[in-house]
Each structure stands twice: as structure tokens, then as C-alpha cells.
């Protein structure tokens, strides 16, 4: 039976083993799980007997579905804004802990990795995708933002792919993820046990992973990349929609219609925020990006769209949210600017934290 925390930490000779074990909740992350992750990575960082860390999931098709929206929804209805902010503080602090952890850190992902699941795996030293790997940053669909490091890593993807993924929440498989350098290796999941054993045996992990890596193929996004770069390089969300609507007959016509329809289902406010994140994030270091995300999150958790987006997903069992404002044209750009520039009480401080490494 899964433990009460939903995550376990074990040592197998020279390896630390992290196991996500909340299958009934699709390994959704809680504040306690983020804090336990940070504590154990800091415990292992100076330990001379630990060579590296592997992370895995007990769920057969899900690595991690992201933050626990059911808990956030309950906190929202209790108006427990400070507790919601502390959830995000714990999440972003853990990303910074991963950044400082220099031992081999090898997430083994053979299922869905959405939102927070990307945050706990992408910024390690390695990231291994199996055949069932699926990536997405779908937060704009719940009135939020592509966070937990998304401000940093998405704008650094080649071309305008980061903007596309941030605004659409599109799901990509292992081939596209490898091509975009969202994962370091594509290795069939049947070899995951070999990787864990090698870490336990202090085997040089780079040589092993390189030897097990397989060509994942071309991926689905290659044929759409010219259209993505042409359309998502537009100077505003409004013009992205205009370009999608104006796509002429040809190989990208159906894709453009579907993409435009997808964008119009998202929170207009979140679309505008995500768009600005992608523009600003290119020049930010990771700590700066995380501090900005905490500021934005602290503002957004008080807004109607955040409550509506999560409530529609959880209590409404997937009903279409009623966003306010309802369209991108109605969003006041100056209000978006204020979200980025207005400080909040208890801003995230990373370099001042006493991390043990």
C-alpha cells in the first residue's frame, strides 16, 4: 500500500531511490512531497556513500500529473491564500535545490509528466524518457501560468517552440522531447532496472546512458515547425490568433484551425501572462525566473480565473471554465504588466536560503 506521504526515499548501495507512489491521485504533488524531496536531496548531496539518485513512479502510465489540484481547489474554497502560496514556494524552492544538486540525478519517465512533474525532473543532470513518455505544460488551461521553471526552460527551446508549448499546453512524446532537449536520453523502459543497478554500483552513468540510448525517430512536431515558427513569433497573442485564423489552404490549414480553437479554450489572462513569460524568460537566470514565477503565482491565486479554472477541472469534472475577461481582446495589457512588476509580501528568496550541499 502507498505510504501516507505518497513518495518514498530509499538507499540501494550507492544510489538514492525516489519513488512517486500516489497512484490513486496520479502522483499529484503536495507541498509535503515537495518539502520531502528538497530535504532528501539536501541529505544526499554531501553524503559520501551516495553516487547518484534515480526517480521512478509506481503508476504504469503516469510519472507525475503535476500539482494536486484537488488540494488546491479545497484551499481555494477555504480562501486559504497563504497556504496556496506556500505550496508554490515549496515547489519552486525544490527546483532550485535540483539546480544545486550536482550528483547524477536520473529521472526514469515512462508515462505522463505534466506541469510539476516536469519541474521535479527536467533540471537534473539527466532525464531519461521511455516509450510511454508524454510531456505537457497545461497550466494556462486552469487559469494559471507555465511555472516551476517554465519561464526559464521553455524560451530556450529552439525557434518558437517554447511559446507554442506554453500557450497551447500541447502534449509531446519522447521523440519530440528528445529533439527539443527536454530529455537527455530515450531508453526503452525495460532497461530502467539496469540504470538503477548501475547507479547503485557506482558505474559511470554517462557512458551507460549513452550506450542504452536509442533513436526515438522524428516525432510529430517536425512537420509543423515551419508554421509554429512563422505564427508564434507574432508580437502578441492577438496576432498569433489572427495568423492562425488567416492560414490559407494547404498542409497547415487543419492544424491552424485546431490550434486556434485550443487557444480560445484557455484563460485569456493566462495566455497573455505566458506570452510575456516567454519574452522575458530568455534573458533571466533560473533563480530570477523562479522568483518571477512566485510573484506571478502569488498574484494569480487571488484571481477569479484561478479559482474558476481549478474548480471547473475538479468540482465541475471537466466543464468548460467561464473566464473573466472572456476574450484576449478584453484583457487589459497594463494589468498584465502590473502582475509582473508589483512585488508581493514574502517574495521568494533562493540565494539567501541555507541549502546544504
Foldseek 3Di string as FASTA:
>chain_A
DADPQQWDWDAQFQEIEIERGPVVQLSADWLSNLQVLQVVLLVSQPDPRHQEYEYAYPHPAGGYAYHRLVVLLVCLVVVVLVRVLSSLLSLLLSLVSQLVRQHQYEYEDQHEQEQSSLLNAQNHPFYEYAQSYKYWHPVLLQQAFSDSQLLALLLVFPALRSLLRRQQRDIWGDQVCCVRVSGVAYAHPVCVVVLRVCSSVVHPNVVVRVVRGDNPDNTDCPVVVVVSNVLSVDPAPVSSLVCLVPDDDDDCVVVSVVSSVSNLLGALLRSRLRSVSSVPSHPDDRVVRSLQSSLLRSVRSVDPSNNQSSCCVPVVVPDRGCHVVNHNVPDDVVVSVCSRVPGDPPGRDRVPDDRRD
